[in-house]
Amino acid sequence: MIVLDAYALVAAATGERAAVEVAELLRVGDCGVTTSNLAELYDQLVRRVGLDVDEVDAHVQPLLGELLAVRDLDLERATRAGILRA
């Protein structure tokens, strides 16, 4: 599984430079997002991009389940993710 972070998904939603690559990953399948990155995605699209929550839902909700699995992180995985990102 390829786990996408909020940056990648914001890029896809807003047509930023990485949007094409992220769209290809989603097409290939087996992608996921952590619950914390899903929360950050909503925050970024509302606060930074200026979309309202309904617009964000329209972008995000169709992806969830079929193209993008939502995963919880336990303490060990969350710690490991933070270390990898650092």
N, C-alpha and C. Protein backbone atom coordinates (compact mmCIF):
# COMPACT_ATOMS: atom_id res chain seq x y z
N MET A 1 0.84 -1.19 0.00
CA MET A 1 0.00 0.00 0.00
C MET A 1 0.88 1.24 0.00
N ILE A 2 0.49 2.21 -0.82
CA ILE A 2 1.14 3.51 -0.84
C ILE A 2 0.31 4.44 0.03
N VAL A 3 0.92 4.98 1.08
CA VAL A 3 0.22 5.88 1.99
C VAL A 3 0.54 7.30 1.58
N LEU A 4 -0.50 8.03 1.21
CA LEU A 4 -0.35 9.42 0.77
C LEU A 4 -0.53 10.36 1.95
N ASP A 5 0.28 11.38 2.00
CA ASP A 5 0.11 12.37 3.06
C ASP A 5 -0.78 13.51 2.57
N ALA A 6 -1.08 14.43 3.47
CA ALA A 6 -1.98 15.53 3.14
C ALA A 6 -1.43 16.39 2.01
N TYR A 7 -0.10 16.59 1.97
CA TYR A 7 0.49 17.41 0.91
C TYR A 7 0.12 16.86 -0.47
N ALA A 8 0.27 15.56 -0.63
CA ALA A 8 -0.03 14.93 -1.93
C ALA A 8 -1.49 15.11 -2.30
N LEU A 9 -2.36 14.93 -1.33
CA LEU A 9 -3.79 15.03 -1.61
C LEU A 9 -4.24 16.46 -1.83
N VAL A 10 -3.63 17.41 -1.14
CA VAL A 10 -3.91 18.82 -1.40
C VAL A 10 -3.48 19.16 -2.83
N ALA A 11 -2.31 18.69 -3.22
CA ALA A 11 -1.82 18.93 -4.58
C ALA A 11 -2.80 18.38 -5.61
N ALA A 12 -3.31 17.19 -5.37
CA ALA A 12 -4.26 16.58 -6.30
C ALA A 12 -5.56 17.39 -6.37
N ALA A 13 -6.03 17.85 -5.23
CA ALA A 13 -7.30 18.57 -5.18
C ALA A 13 -7.21 19.97 -5.79
N THR A 14 -6.02 20.55 -5.76
CA THR A 14 -5.88 21.93 -6.21
C THR A 14 -5.14 22.07 -7.54
N GLY A 15 -4.76 20.95 -8.13
CA GLY A 15 -4.08 21.00 -9.41
C GLY A 15 -2.64 21.46 -9.33
N GLU A 16 -2.03 21.31 -8.17
CA GLU A 16 -0.63 21.70 -8.02
C GLU A 16 0.26 20.75 -8.80
N ARG A 17 1.53 21.04 -8.79
CA ARG A 17 2.51 20.34 -9.60
C ARG A 17 2.47 18.81 -9.46
N ALA A 18 2.28 18.30 -8.27
CA ALA A 18 2.30 16.86 -8.03
C ALA A 18 0.97 16.18 -8.37
N ALA A 19 -0.01 16.95 -8.81
CA ALA A 19 -1.36 16.41 -9.05
C ALA A 19 -1.38 15.25 -10.04
N VAL A 20 -0.62 15.35 -11.10
CA VAL A 20 -0.61 14.29 -12.12
C VAL A 20 -0.07 13.00 -11.53
N GLU A 21 1.02 13.09 -10.77
CA GLU A 21 1.61 11.91 -10.16
C GLU A 21 0.67 11.27 -9.15
N VAL A 22 0.04 12.09 -8.33
CA VAL A 22 -0.90 11.57 -7.33
C VAL A 22 -2.10 10.92 -8.02
N ALA A 23 -2.62 11.55 -9.06
CA ALA A 23 -3.75 10.97 -9.81
C ALA A 23 -3.37 9.60 -10.38
N GLU A 24 -2.16 9.47 -10.86
CA GLU A 24 -1.70 8.18 -11.39
C GLU A 24 -1.63 7.13 -10.29
N LEU A 25 -1.12 7.51 -9.13
CA LEU A 25 -1.07 6.58 -8.00
C LEU A 25 -2.48 6.12 -7.62
N LEU A 26 -3.42 7.04 -7.60
CA LEU A 26 -4.80 6.69 -7.26
C LEU A 26 -5.41 5.77 -8.31
N ARG A 27 -5.07 6.01 -9.58
CA ARG A 27 -5.58 5.14 -10.65
C ARG A 27 -5.05 3.72 -10.53
N VAL A 28 -3.77 3.60 -10.19
CA VAL A 28 -3.15 2.28 -10.06
C VAL A 28 -3.77 1.52 -8.89
N GLY A 29 -4.10 2.23 -7.83
CA GLY A 29 -4.78 1.63 -6.70
C GLY A 29 -3.86 1.29 -5.54
N ASP A 30 -4.46 0.70 -4.52
CA ASP A 30 -3.79 0.30 -3.29
C ASP A 30 -3.14 1.50 -2.60
N CYS A 31 -3.88 2.60 -2.49
CA CYS A 31 -3.42 3.79 -1.79
C CYS A 31 -4.21 3.95 -0.50
N GLY A 32 -3.57 4.58 0.45
CA GLY A 32 -4.23 4.85 1.72
C GLY A 32 -3.87 6.22 2.25
N VAL A 33 -4.60 6.62 3.27
CA VAL A 33 -4.34 7.87 3.97
C VAL A 33 -4.61 7.61 5.45
N THR A 34 -3.79 8.17 6.31
CA THR A 34 -4.03 8.02 7.74
C THR A 34 -5.12 9.00 8.17
N THR A 35 -5.75 8.69 9.28
CA THR A 35 -6.79 9.58 9.78
C THR A 35 -6.24 10.97 10.09
N SER A 36 -5.01 11.03 10.60
CA SER A 36 -4.43 12.35 10.91
C SER A 36 -4.17 13.14 9.64
N ASN A 37 -3.74 12.49 8.56
CA ASN A 37 -3.53 13.19 7.30
C ASN A 37 -4.85 13.57 6.64
N LEU A 38 -5.88 12.78 6.85
CA LEU A 38 -7.20 13.15 6.35
C LEU A 38 -7.68 14.42 7.04
N ALA A 39 -7.47 14.49 8.35
CA ALA A 39 -7.83 15.70 9.08
C ALA A 39 -7.03 16.90 8.58
N GLU A 40 -5.73 16.71 8.34
CA GLU A 40 -4.90 17.80 7.83
C GLU A 40 -5.33 18.22 6.43
N LEU A 41 -5.74 17.27 5.61
CA LEU A 41 -6.24 17.58 4.27
C LEU A 41 -7.43 18.53 4.35
N TYR A 42 -8.41 18.20 5.20
CA TYR A 42 -9.57 19.08 5.36
C TYR A 42 -9.13 20.46 5.85
N ASP A 43 -8.25 20.48 6.83
CA ASP A 43 -7.78 21.75 7.38
C ASP A 43 -7.13 22.61 6.29
N GLN A 44 -6.23 22.02 5.51
CA GLN A 44 -5.52 22.77 4.48
C GLN A 44 -6.46 23.27 3.39
N LEU A 45 -7.39 22.40 2.96
CA LEU A 45 -8.28 22.82 1.88
C LEU A 45 -9.27 23.90 2.32
N VAL A 46 -9.66 23.88 3.58
CA VAL A 46 -10.57 24.91 4.08
C VAL A 46 -9.81 26.18 4.45
N ARG A 47 -8.79 26.04 5.28
CA ARG A 47 -8.11 27.21 5.83
C ARG A 47 -7.17 27.86 4.83
N ARG A 48 -6.35 27.08 4.14
CA ARG A 48 -5.33 27.66 3.24
C ARG A 48 -5.87 27.92 1.84
N VAL A 49 -6.61 26.94 1.30
CA VAL A 49 -7.10 27.06 -0.08
C VAL A 49 -8.37 27.89 -0.14
N GLY A 50 -9.18 27.86 0.93
CA GLY A 50 -10.38 28.67 0.96
C GLY A 50 -11.65 27.98 0.50
N LEU A 51 -11.61 26.65 0.38
CA LEU A 51 -12.83 25.92 0.03
C LEU A 51 -13.73 25.82 1.25
N ASP A 52 -15.03 25.70 1.02
CA ASP A 52 -15.89 25.42 2.17
C ASP A 52 -15.97 23.89 2.35
N VAL A 53 -16.50 23.49 3.47
CA VAL A 53 -16.50 22.06 3.82
C VAL A 53 -17.25 21.23 2.78
N ASP A 54 -18.33 21.74 2.23
CA ASP A 54 -19.07 20.99 1.21
C ASP A 54 -18.21 20.77 -0.05
N GLU A 55 -17.43 21.78 -0.42
CA GLU A 55 -16.54 21.62 -1.57
C GLU A 55 -15.46 20.57 -1.29
N VAL A 56 -14.92 20.60 -0.07
CA VAL A 56 -13.91 19.61 0.31
C VAL A 56 -14.51 18.21 0.27
N ASP A 57 -15.69 18.07 0.85
CA ASP A 57 -16.37 16.78 0.80
C ASP A 57 -16.56 16.30 -0.63
N ALA A 58 -16.91 17.20 -1.53
CA ALA A 58 -17.11 16.83 -2.92
C ALA A 58 -15.82 16.31 -3.56
N HIS A 59 -14.67 16.83 -3.15
CA HIS A 59 -13.38 16.36 -3.65
C HIS A 59 -12.95 15.06 -2.99
N VAL A 60 -13.14 14.98 -1.68
CA VAL A 60 -12.52 13.91 -0.89
C VAL A 60 -13.39 12.66 -0.76
N GLN A 61 -14.66 12.84 -0.45
CA GLN A 61 -15.51 11.68 -0.16
C GLN A 61 -15.57 10.64 -1.28
N PRO A 62 -15.61 11.03 -2.56
CA PRO A 62 -15.62 10.02 -3.62
C PRO A 62 -14.35 9.15 -3.67
N LEU A 63 -13.26 9.68 -3.13
CA LEU A 63 -12.00 8.92 -3.13
C LEU A 63 -11.96 7.87 -2.04
N LEU A 64 -12.64 8.15 -0.94
CA LEU A 64 -12.52 7.28 0.24
C LEU A 64 -13.22 5.95 0.02
N GLY A 65 -12.55 4.91 0.41
CA GLY A 65 -13.10 3.57 0.28
C GLY A 65 -12.64 2.88 -0.98
N GLU A 66 -13.01 3.40 -2.14
CA GLU A 66 -12.67 2.74 -3.40
C GLU A 66 -11.23 3.02 -3.83
N LEU A 67 -10.82 4.27 -3.85
CA LEU A 67 -9.49 4.63 -4.31
C LEU A 67 -8.49 4.87 -3.19
N LEU A 68 -9.00 5.17 -2.02
CA LEU A 68 -8.15 5.60 -0.92
C LEU A 68 -8.66 5.01 0.39
N ALA A 69 -7.93 4.05 0.91
CA ALA A 69 -8.31 3.42 2.17
C ALA A 69 -7.90 4.32 3.33
N VAL A 70 -8.74 4.43 4.32
CA VAL A 70 -8.44 5.24 5.50
C VAL A 70 -7.89 4.31 6.58
N ARG A 71 -6.73 4.65 7.11
CA ARG A 71 -6.04 3.81 8.09
C ARG A 71 -5.77 4.59 9.37
N ASP A 72 -6.03 3.94 10.49
CA ASP A 72 -5.64 4.48 11.78
C ASP A 72 -4.19 4.08 12.04
N LEU A 73 -3.48 4.93 12.74
CA LEU A 73 -2.11 4.59 13.13
C LEU A 73 -2.07 4.30 14.62
N ASP A 74 -1.50 3.15 14.96
CA ASP A 74 -1.26 2.88 16.37
C ASP A 74 0.01 3.62 16.78
N LEU A 75 0.35 3.58 18.04
CA LEU A 75 1.48 4.33 18.55
C LEU A 75 2.77 3.99 17.82
N GLU A 76 3.01 2.71 17.60
CA GLU A 76 4.24 2.28 16.93
C GLU A 76 4.32 2.81 15.50
N ARG A 77 3.24 2.69 14.76
CA ARG A 77 3.24 3.16 13.37
C ARG A 77 3.30 4.69 13.30
N ALA A 78 2.63 5.36 14.21
CA ALA A 78 2.68 6.82 14.22
C ALA A 78 4.09 7.30 14.51
N THR A 79 4.76 6.66 15.45
CA THR A 79 6.14 7.01 15.77
C THR A 79 7.04 6.77 14.57
N ARG A 80 6.88 5.62 13.94
CA ARG A 80 7.69 5.27 12.77
C ARG A 80 7.44 6.27 11.62
N ALA A 81 6.19 6.64 11.41
CA ALA A 81 5.86 7.59 10.35
C ALA A 81 6.53 8.94 10.62
N GLY A 82 6.50 9.39 11.84
CA GLY A 82 7.17 10.64 12.20
C GLY A 82 8.67 10.59 11.96
N ILE A 83 9.27 9.47 12.30
CA ILE A 83 10.72 9.30 12.09
C ILE A 83 11.03 9.28 10.60
N LEU A 84 10.23 8.56 9.82
CA LEU A 84 10.46 8.51 8.38
C LEU A 84 10.31 9.88 7.74
N ARG A 85 9.31 10.62 8.18
CA ARG A 85 9.10 11.96 7.62
C ARG A 85 10.26 12.89 7.98
N ALA A 86 10.76 12.74 9.20
CA ALA A 86 11.90 13.58 9.65
C ALA A 86 13.14 13.26 8.85
